[in-house]
């Protein structure tokens, strides 16, 4: 999109996406830890159960919520491009 070389493109991707992915994972993994240790301590949910996947969806929404401020900041400082 920005006519960067392969090396420049890789650097730009690492710079823009690393912080966003880390903040997403913080929200997702915090929810999954609560699910595992607090909400369903014994027996734990298994990936073959629908409740597990529903809880994963909630975690993904929370990951989006936690990564949103970071993505806005990355756009503001020019490390990420606005889509659309």
PDB file of N, CA and C in Angstrom:
ATOM      1  N   UNK A   1       0.812  -1.188   0.000  1.00  0.00           N
ATOM      2  CA  UNK A   1       0.000   0.000   0.000  1.00  0.00           C
ATOM      3  C   UNK A   1       0.858   1.256   0.000  1.00  0.00           C
ATOM      4  N   UNK A   2       1.979   1.209   0.683  1.00  0.00           N
ATOM      5  CA  UNK A   2       2.799   2.415   0.814  1.00  0.00           C
ATOM      6  C   UNK A   2       4.070   2.342  -0.024  1.00  0.00           C
ATOM      7  N   UNK A   3       4.157   1.340  -0.902  1.00  0.00           N
ATOM      8  CA  UNK A   3       5.329   1.165  -1.773  1.00  0.00           C
ATOM      9  C   UNK A   3       6.632   1.098  -0.983  1.00  0.00           C
ATOM     10  N   UNK A   4       6.646   0.286   0.070  1.00  0.00           N
ATOM     11  CA  UNK A   4       7.838   0.087   0.886  1.00  0.00           C
ATOM     12  C   UNK A   4       8.586  -1.147   0.402  1.00  0.00           C
ATOM     13  N   UNK A   5       9.883  -1.157   0.646  1.00  0.00           N
ATOM     14  CA  UNK A   5      10.646  -2.362   0.347  1.00  0.00           C
ATOM     15  C   UNK A   5      10.252  -3.444   1.359  1.00  0.00           C
ATOM     16  N   UNK A   6      10.682  -4.661   1.127  1.00  0.00           N
ATOM     17  CA  UNK A   6      10.331  -5.768   2.021  1.00  0.00           C
ATOM     18  C   UNK A   6      10.829  -5.512   3.442  1.00  0.00           C
ATOM     19  N   UNK A   7      12.049  -5.027   3.571  1.00  0.00           N
ATOM     20  CA  UNK A   7      12.618  -4.766   4.895  1.00  0.00           C
ATOM     21  C   UNK A   7      11.886  -3.608   5.571  1.00  0.00           C
ATOM     22  N   UNK A   8      11.639  -2.541   4.831  1.00  0.00           N
ATOM     23  CA  UNK A   8      10.919  -1.400   5.402  1.00  0.00           C
ATOM     24  C   UNK A   8       9.495  -1.790   5.784  1.00  0.00           C
ATOM     25  N   UNK A   9       8.855  -2.612   4.960  1.00  0.00           N
ATOM     26  CA  UNK A   9       7.506  -3.083   5.254  1.00  0.00           C
ATOM     27  C   UNK A   9       7.464  -3.939   6.508  1.00  0.00           C
ATOM     28  N   UNK A  10       8.460  -4.806   6.680  1.00  0.00           N
ATOM     29  CA  UNK A  10       8.525  -5.642   7.872  1.00  0.00           C
ATOM     30  C   UNK A  10       8.727  -4.791   9.122  1.00  0.00           C
ATOM     31  N   UNK A  11       9.609  -3.817   9.035  1.00  0.00           N
ATOM     32  CA  UNK A  11       9.836  -2.914  10.177  1.00  0.00           C
ATOM     33  C   UNK A  11       8.569  -2.144  10.522  1.00  0.00           C
ATOM     34  N   UNK A  12       7.886  -1.636   9.505  1.00  0.00           N
ATOM     35  CA  UNK A  12       6.654  -0.876   9.742  1.00  0.00           C
ATOM     36  C   UNK A  12       5.580  -1.770  10.366  1.00  0.00           C
ATOM     37  N   UNK A  13       5.462  -3.010   9.897  1.00  0.00           N
ATOM     38  CA  UNK A  13       4.473  -3.937  10.444  1.00  0.00           C
ATOM     39  C   UNK A  13       4.786  -4.280  11.903  1.00  0.00           C
ATOM     40  N   UNK A  14       6.050  -4.552  12.187  1.00  0.00           N
ATOM     41  CA  UNK A  14       6.432  -4.861  13.564  1.00  0.00           C
ATOM     42  C   UNK A  14       6.179  -3.675  14.483  1.00  0.00           C
ATOM     43  N   UNK A  15       6.519  -2.492  14.006  1.00  0.00           N
ATOM     44  CA  UNK A  15       6.352  -1.293  14.811  1.00  0.00           C
ATOM     45  C   UNK A  15       4.872  -1.012  15.084  1.00  0.00           C
ATOM     46  N   UNK A  16       4.030  -1.175  14.095  1.00  0.00           N
ATOM     47  CA  UNK A  16       2.622  -0.814  14.267  1.00  0.00           C
ATOM     48  C   UNK A  16       1.794  -1.904  14.930  1.00  0.00           C
ATOM     49  N   UNK A  17       2.136  -3.154  14.727  1.00  0.00           N
ATOM     50  CA  UNK A  17       1.268  -4.225  15.201  1.00  0.00           C
ATOM     51  C   UNK A  17       1.685  -4.847  16.527  1.00  0.00           C
ATOM     52  N   UNK A  18       2.935  -4.751  16.908  1.00  0.00           N
ATOM     53  CA  UNK A  18       3.380  -5.412  18.135  1.00  0.00           C
ATOM     54  C   UNK A  18       2.627  -4.893  19.353  1.00  0.00           C
ATOM     55  N   UNK A  19       2.569  -3.583  19.525  1.00  0.00           N
ATOM     56  CA  UNK A  19       1.882  -3.024  20.692  1.00  0.00           C
ATOM     57  C   UNK A  19       0.381  -3.297  20.654  1.00  0.00           C
ATOM     58  N   UNK A  20      -0.201  -3.247  19.473  1.00  0.00           N
ATOM     59  CA  UNK A  20      -1.639  -3.511  19.348  1.00  0.00           C
ATOM     60  C   UNK A  20      -1.952  -4.962  19.697  1.00  0.00           C
ATOM     61  N   UNK A  21      -1.141  -5.886  19.235  1.00  0.00           N
ATOM     62  CA  UNK A  21      -1.383  -7.300  19.528  1.00  0.00           C
ATOM     63  C   UNK A  21      -1.165  -7.594  21.003  1.00  0.00           C
ATOM     64  N   UNK A  22      -0.142  -6.988  21.598  1.00  0.00           N
ATOM     65  CA  UNK A  22       0.120  -7.206  23.027  1.00  0.00           C
ATOM     66  C   UNK A  22      -1.068  -6.739  23.861  1.00  0.00           C
ATOM     67  N   UNK A  23      -1.618  -5.561  23.553  1.00  0.00           N
ATOM     68  CA  UNK A  23      -2.751  -5.071  24.337  1.00  0.00           C
ATOM     69  C   UNK A  23      -3.999  -5.927  24.099  1.00  0.00           C
ATOM     70  N   UNK A  24      -4.172  -6.435  22.884  1.00  0.00           N
ATOM     71  CA  UNK A  24      -5.291  -7.355  22.623  1.00  0.00           C
ATOM     72  C   UNK A  24      -5.136  -8.615  23.475  1.00  0.00           C
ATOM     73  N   UNK A  25      -3.942  -9.167  23.486  1.00  0.00           N
ATOM     74  CA  UNK A  25      -3.692 -10.398  24.237  1.00  0.00           C
ATOM     75  C   UNK A  25      -3.878 -10.191  25.734  1.00  0.00           C
ATOM     76  N   UNK A  26      -3.552  -9.012  26.248  1.00  0.00           N
ATOM     77  CA  UNK A  26      -3.763  -8.729  27.672  1.00  0.00           C
ATOM     78  C   UNK A  26      -5.239  -8.881  28.020  1.00  0.00           C
ATOM     79  N   UNK A  27      -6.108  -8.275  27.221  1.00  0.00           N
ATOM     80  CA  UNK A  27      -7.544  -8.387  27.482  1.00  0.00           C
ATOM     81  C   UNK A  27      -8.055  -9.801  27.334  1.00  0.00           C
ATOM     82  N   UNK A  28      -7.648 -10.474  26.267  1.00  0.00           N
ATOM     83  CA  UNK A  28      -8.101 -11.842  26.016  1.00  0.00           C
ATOM     84  C   UNK A  28      -7.603 -12.799  27.094  1.00  0.00           C
ATOM     85  N   UNK A  29      -6.316 -12.767  27.396  1.00  0.00           N
ATOM     86  CA  UNK A  29      -5.758 -13.715  28.357  1.00  0.00           C
ATOM     87  C   UNK A  29      -6.224 -13.441  29.776  1.00  0.00           C
ATOM     88  N   UNK A  30      -6.470 -12.176  30.112  1.00  0.00           N
ATOM     89  CA  UNK A  30      -7.002 -11.870  31.447  1.00  0.00           C
ATOM     90  C   UNK A  30      -8.375 -12.507  31.603  1.00  0.00           C
ATOM     91  N   UNK A  31      -9.214 -12.392  30.567  1.00  0.00           N
ATOM     92  CA  UNK A  31     -10.539 -13.009  30.611  1.00  0.00           C
ATOM     93  C   UNK A  31     -10.429 -14.533  30.684  1.00  0.00           C
ATOM     94  N   UNK A  32      -9.569 -15.102  29.881  1.00  0.00           N
ATOM     95  CA  UNK A  32      -9.424 -16.558  29.881  1.00  0.00           C
ATOM     96  C   UNK A  32      -8.902 -17.056  31.229  1.00  0.00           C
ATOM     97  N   UNK A  33      -8.026 -16.279  31.877  1.00  0.00           N
ATOM     98  CA  UNK A  33      -7.545 -16.665  33.206  1.00  0.00           C
ATOM     99  C   UNK A  33      -8.683 -16.623  34.223  1.00  0.00           C
ATOM    100  N   UNK A  34      -9.507 -15.586  34.150  1.00  0.00           N
ATOM    101  CA  UNK A  34     -10.671 -15.530  35.043  1.00  0.00           C
ATOM    102  C   UNK A  34     -11.605 -16.707  34.793  1.00  0.00           C
ATOM    103  N   UNK A  35     -11.823 -17.008  33.540  1.00  0.00           N
ATOM    104  CA  UNK A  35     -12.687 -18.127  33.186  1.00  0.00           C
ATOM    105  C   UNK A  35     -12.132 -19.432  33.753  1.00  0.00           C
ATOM    106  N   UNK A  36     -10.834 -19.620  33.637  1.00  0.00           N
ATOM    107  CA  UNK A  36     -10.205 -20.875  34.041  1.00  0.00           C
ATOM    108  C   UNK A  36     -10.119 -21.009  35.567  1.00  0.00           C
ATOM    109  N   UNK A  37      -9.673 -19.927  36.233  1.00  0.00           N
ATOM    110  CA  UNK A  37      -9.396 -20.024  37.667  1.00  0.00           C
ATOM    111  C   UNK A  37     -10.559 -19.608  38.569  1.00  0.00           C
ATOM    112  N   UNK A  38     -11.467 -18.753  38.072  1.00  0.00           N
ATOM    113  CA  UNK A  38     -12.519 -18.217  38.931  1.00  0.00           C
ATOM    114  C   UNK A  38     -13.892 -18.765  38.560  1.00  0.00           C
ATOM    115  N   UNK A  39     -14.296 -18.616  37.303  1.00  0.00           N
ATOM    116  CA  UNK A  39     -15.654 -18.966  36.914  1.00  0.00           C
ATOM    117  C   UNK A  39     -15.874 -20.471  36.743  1.00  0.00           C
ATOM    118  N   UNK A  40     -14.883 -21.176  36.223  1.00  0.00           N
ATOM    119  CA  UNK A  40     -15.006 -22.619  35.994  1.00  0.00           C
ATOM    120  C   UNK A  40     -13.767 -23.345  36.534  1.00  0.00           C
ATOM    121  N   UNK A  41     -13.544 -23.282  37.867  1.00  0.00           N
ATOM    122  CA  UNK A  41     -12.316 -23.874  38.405  1.00  0.00           C
ATOM    123  C   UNK A  41     -12.315 -25.403  38.396  1.00  0.00           C
ATOM    124  N   UNK A  42     -13.476 -26.007  38.615  1.00  0.00           N
ATOM    125  CA  UNK A  42     -13.512 -27.462  38.656  1.00  0.00           C
ATOM    126  C   UNK A  42     -14.918 -27.932  38.347  1.00  0.00           C
ATOM    127  N   UNK A  43     -15.190 -28.578  37.285  1.00  0.00           N
ATOM    128  CA  UNK A  43     -14.239 -28.947  36.234  1.00  0.00           C
ATOM    129  C   UNK A  43     -14.023 -27.783  35.260  1.00  0.00           C
ATOM    130  N   UNK A  44     -12.849 -27.751  34.667  1.00  0.00           N
ATOM    131  CA  UNK A  44     -12.535 -26.722  33.676  1.00  0.00           C
ATOM    132  C   UNK A  44     -13.316 -27.000  32.395  1.00  0.00           C
ATOM    133  N   UNK A  45     -13.590 -25.918  31.673  1.00  0.00           N
ATOM    134  CA  UNK A  45     -14.241 -26.092  30.373  1.00  0.00           C
ATOM    135  C   UNK A  45     -13.259 -26.730  29.397  1.00  0.00           C
ATOM    136  N   UNK A  46     -13.799 -27.492  28.484  1.00  0.00           N
ATOM    137  CA  UNK A  46     -12.969 -28.139  27.460  1.00  0.00           C
ATOM    138  C   UNK A  46     -13.263 -27.495  26.114  1.00  0.00           C
ATOM    139  N   UNK A  47     -12.295 -27.478  25.200  1.00  0.00           N
ATOM    140  CA  UNK A  47     -12.523 -26.882  23.878  1.00  0.00           C
ATOM    141  C   UNK A  47     -13.606 -27.580  23.061  1.00  0.00           C
ATOM    142  N   UNK A  48     -14.082 -28.711  23.517  1.00  0.00           N
ATOM    143  CA  UNK A  48     -15.163 -29.406  22.806  1.00  0.00           C
ATOM    144  C   UNK A  48     -16.540 -28.926  23.260  1.00  0.00           C
ATOM    145  N   UNK A  49     -16.584 -28.007  24.217  1.00  0.00           N
ATOM    146  CA  UNK A  49     -17.851 -27.521  24.756  1.00  0.00           C
ATOM    147  C   UNK A  49     -18.202 -26.157  24.171  1.00  0.00           C
ATOM    148  N   UNK A  50     -19.480 -25.941  23.916  1.00  0.00           N
ATOM    149  CA  UNK A  50     -19.935 -24.664  23.356  1.00  0.00           C
ATOM    150  C   UNK A  50     -19.678 -23.504  24.321  1.00  0.00           C
ATOM    151  N   UNK A  51     -19.796 -23.755  25.620  1.00  0.00           N
ATOM    152  CA  UNK A  51     -19.568 -22.694  26.604  1.00  0.00           C
ATOM    153  C   UNK A  51     -18.141 -22.171  26.520  1.00  0.00           C
ATOM    154  N   UNK A  52     -17.186 -23.042  26.274  1.00  0.00           N
ATOM    155  CA  UNK A  52     -15.787 -22.631  26.127  1.00  0.00           C
ATOM    156  C   UNK A  52     -15.657 -21.614  24.998  1.00  0.00           C
ATOM    157  N   UNK A  53     -16.262 -21.912  23.866  1.00  0.00           N
ATOM    158  CA  UNK A  53     -16.139 -21.030  22.705  1.00  0.00           C
ATOM    159  C   UNK A  53     -16.917 -19.737  22.900  1.00  0.00           C
ATOM    160  N   UNK A  54     -18.028 -19.794  23.633  1.00  0.00           N
ATOM    161  CA  UNK A  54     -18.746 -18.573  23.951  1.00  0.00           C
ATOM    162  C   UNK A  54     -17.892 -17.674  24.840  1.00  0.00           C
ATOM    163  N   UNK A  55     -17.258 -18.263  25.828  1.00  0.00           N
ATOM    164  CA  UNK A  55     -16.370 -17.494  26.706  1.00  0.00           C
ATOM    165  C   UNK A  55     -15.178 -16.933  25.931  1.00  0.00           C
ATOM    166  N   UNK A  56     -14.696 -17.677  24.949  1.00  0.00           N
ATOM    167  CA  UNK A  56     -13.603 -17.195  24.099  1.00  0.00           C
ATOM    168  C   UNK A  56     -14.062 -15.970  23.308  1.00  0.00           C
ATOM    169  N   UNK A  57     -15.299 -15.984  22.830  1.00  0.00           N
ATOM    170  CA  UNK A  57     -15.830 -14.829  22.093  1.00  0.00           C
ATOM    171  C   UNK A  57     -15.899 -13.600  22.988  1.00  0.00           C
ATOM    172  N   UNK A  58     -16.315 -13.783  24.224  1.00  0.00           N
ATOM    173  CA  UNK A  58     -16.321 -12.664  25.169  1.00  0.00           C
ATOM    174  C   UNK A  58     -14.900 -12.150  25.364  1.00  0.00           C
ATOM    175  N   UNK A  59     -13.941 -13.057  25.479  1.00  0.00           N
ATOM    176  CA  UNK A  59     -12.542 -12.666  25.624  1.00  0.00           C
ATOM    177  C   UNK A  59     -12.033 -11.883  24.427  1.00  0.00           C
ATOM    178  N   UNK A  60     -12.463 -12.260  23.237  1.00  0.00           N
ATOM    179  CA  UNK A  60     -12.027 -11.542  22.041  1.00  0.00           C
ATOM    180  C   UNK A  60     -12.614 -10.134  22.000  1.00  0.00           C
ATOM    181  N   UNK A  61     -13.844  -9.985  22.451  1.00  0.00           N
ATOM    182  CA  UNK A  61     -14.437  -8.647  22.533  1.00  0.00           C
ATOM    183  C   UNK A  61     -13.674  -7.799  23.548  1.00  0.00           C
ATOM    184  N   UNK A  62     -13.339  -8.392  24.692  1.00  0.00           N
ATOM    185  CA  UNK A  62     -12.561  -7.662  25.691  1.00  0.00           C
ATOM    186  C   UNK A  62     -11.162  -7.329  25.170  1.00  0.00           C
ATOM    187  N   UNK A  63     -10.580  -8.221  24.383  1.00  0.00           N
ATOM    188  CA  UNK A  63      -9.293  -7.929  23.757  1.00  0.00           C
ATOM    189  C   UNK A  63      -9.390  -6.748  22.808  1.00  0.00           C
ATOM    190  N   UNK A  64     -10.472  -6.683  22.044  1.00  0.00           N
ATOM    191  CA  UNK A  64     -10.695  -5.538  21.160  1.00  0.00           C
ATOM    192  C   UNK A  64     -10.803  -4.255  21.972  1.00  0.00           C
ATOM    193  N   UNK A  65     -11.556  -4.309  23.070  1.00  0.00           N
ATOM    194  CA  UNK A  65     -11.748  -3.125  23.903  1.00  0.00           C
ATOM    195  C   UNK A  65     -10.422  -2.658  24.496  1.00  0.00           C
ATOM    196  N   UNK A  66      -9.584  -3.586  24.942  1.00  0.00           N
ATOM    197  CA  UNK A  66      -8.300  -3.190  25.532  1.00  0.00           C
ATOM    198  C   UNK A  66      -7.304  -2.711  24.480  1.00  0.00           C
ATOM    199  N   UNK A  67      -7.426  -3.173  23.245  1.00  0.00           N
ATOM    200  CA  UNK A  67      -6.474  -2.746  22.213  1.00  0.00           C
ATOM    201  C   UNK A  67      -6.904  -1.467  21.499  1.00  0.00           C
ATOM    202  N   UNK A  68      -8.162  -1.080  21.636  1.00  0.00           N
ATOM    203  CA  UNK A  68      -8.671   0.098  20.926  1.00  0.00           C
ATOM    204  C   UNK A  68      -7.893   1.380  21.259  1.00  0.00           C
ATOM    205  N   UNK A  69      -7.654   1.694  22.544  1.00  0.00           N
ATOM    206  CA  UNK A  69      -6.886   2.915  22.835  1.00  0.00           C
ATOM    207  C   UNK A  69      -5.468   2.882  22.250  1.00  0.00           C
ATOM    208  N   UNK A  70      -4.843   1.722  22.276  1.00  0.00           N
ATOM    209  CA  UNK A  70      -3.492   1.607  21.716  1.00  0.00           C
ATOM    210  C   UNK A  70      -3.519   1.839  20.207  1.00  0.00           C
ATOM    211  N   UNK A  71      -4.499   1.280  19.525  1.00  0.00           N
ATOM    212  CA  UNK A  71      -4.603   1.480  18.085  1.00  0.00           C
ATOM    213  C   UNK A  71      -4.855   2.945  17.747  1.00  0.00           C
ATOM    214  N   UNK A  72      -5.697   3.609  18.531  1.00  0.00           N
ATOM    215  CA  UNK A  72      -5.932   5.048  18.307  1.00  0.00           C
ATOM    216  C   UNK A  72      -4.635   5.841  18.476  1.00  0.00           C
ATOM    217  N   UNK A  73      -3.857   5.493  19.510  1.00  0.00           N
ATOM    218  CA  UNK A  73      -2.605   6.193  19.756  1.00  0.00           C
ATOM    219  C   UNK A  73      -1.610   5.929  18.626  1.00  0.00           C
ATOM    220  N   UNK A  74      -1.535   4.687  18.153  1.00  0.00           N
ATOM    221  CA  UNK A  74      -0.621   4.360  17.054  1.00  0.00           C
ATOM    222  C   UNK A  74      -0.997   5.106  15.776  1.00  0.00           C
ATOM    223  N   UNK A  75      -2.282   5.289  15.543  1.00  0.00           N
ATOM    224  CA  UNK A  75      -2.716   6.083  14.385  1.00  0.00           C
ATOM    225  C   UNK A  75      -2.350   7.549  14.590  1.00  0.00           C
ATOM    226  N   UNK A  76      -2.555   8.040  15.797  1.00  0.00           N
ATOM    227  CA  UNK A  76      -2.281   9.448  16.106  1.00  0.00           C
ATOM    228  C   UNK A  76      -0.805   9.798  15.899  1.00  0.00           C
ATOM    229  N   UNK A  77       0.102   8.899  16.292  1.00  0.00           N
ATOM    230  CA  UNK A  77       1.531   9.195  16.125  1.00  0.00           C
ATOM    231  C   UNK A  77       2.061   8.833  14.743  1.00  0.00           C
ATOM    232  N   UNK A  78       1.201   8.247  13.909  1.00  0.00           N
ATOM    233  CA  UNK A  78       1.581   7.959  12.530  1.00  0.00           C
ATOM    234  C   UNK A  78       2.243   6.618  12.287  1.00  0.00           C
ATOM    235  N   UNK A  79       2.207   5.728  13.265  1.00  0.00           N
ATOM    236  CA  UNK A  79       2.807   4.409  13.081  1.00  0.00           C
ATOM    237  C   UNK A  79       1.847   3.456  12.382  1.00  0.00           C
ATOM    238  N   UNK A  80       0.561   3.769  12.416  1.00  0.00           N
ATOM    239  CA  UNK A  80      -0.462   2.971  11.759  1.00  0.00           C
ATOM    240  C   UNK A  80      -1.219   3.852  10.792  1.00  0.00           C
ATOM    241  N   UNK A  81      -1.713   3.256   9.733  1.00  0.00           N
ATOM    242  CA  UNK A  81      -2.492   4.008   8.750  1.00  0.00           C
ATOM    243  C   UNK A  81      -3.975   3.833   9.040  1.00  0.00           C
ATOM    244  N   UNK A  82      -4.725   4.890   8.797  1.00  0.00           N
ATOM    245  CA  UNK A  82      -6.174   4.839   8.943  1.00  0.00           C
ATOM    246  C   UNK A  82      -6.748   4.027   7.805  1.00  0.00           C
ATOM    247  N   UNK A  83      -7.678   3.129   8.117  1.00  0.00           N
ATOM    248  CA  UNK A  83      -8.302   2.327   7.065  1.00  0.00           C
ATOM    249  C   UNK A  83      -9.627   2.965   6.674  1.00  0.00           C
ATOM    250  N   UNK A  84      -9.949   2.876   5.417  1.00  0.00           N
ATOM    251  CA  UNK A  84     -11.244   3.344   4.975  1.00  0.00           C
ATOM    252  C   UNK A  84     -11.264   4.722   4.410  1.00  0.00           C
TER     253      UNK A  84
END
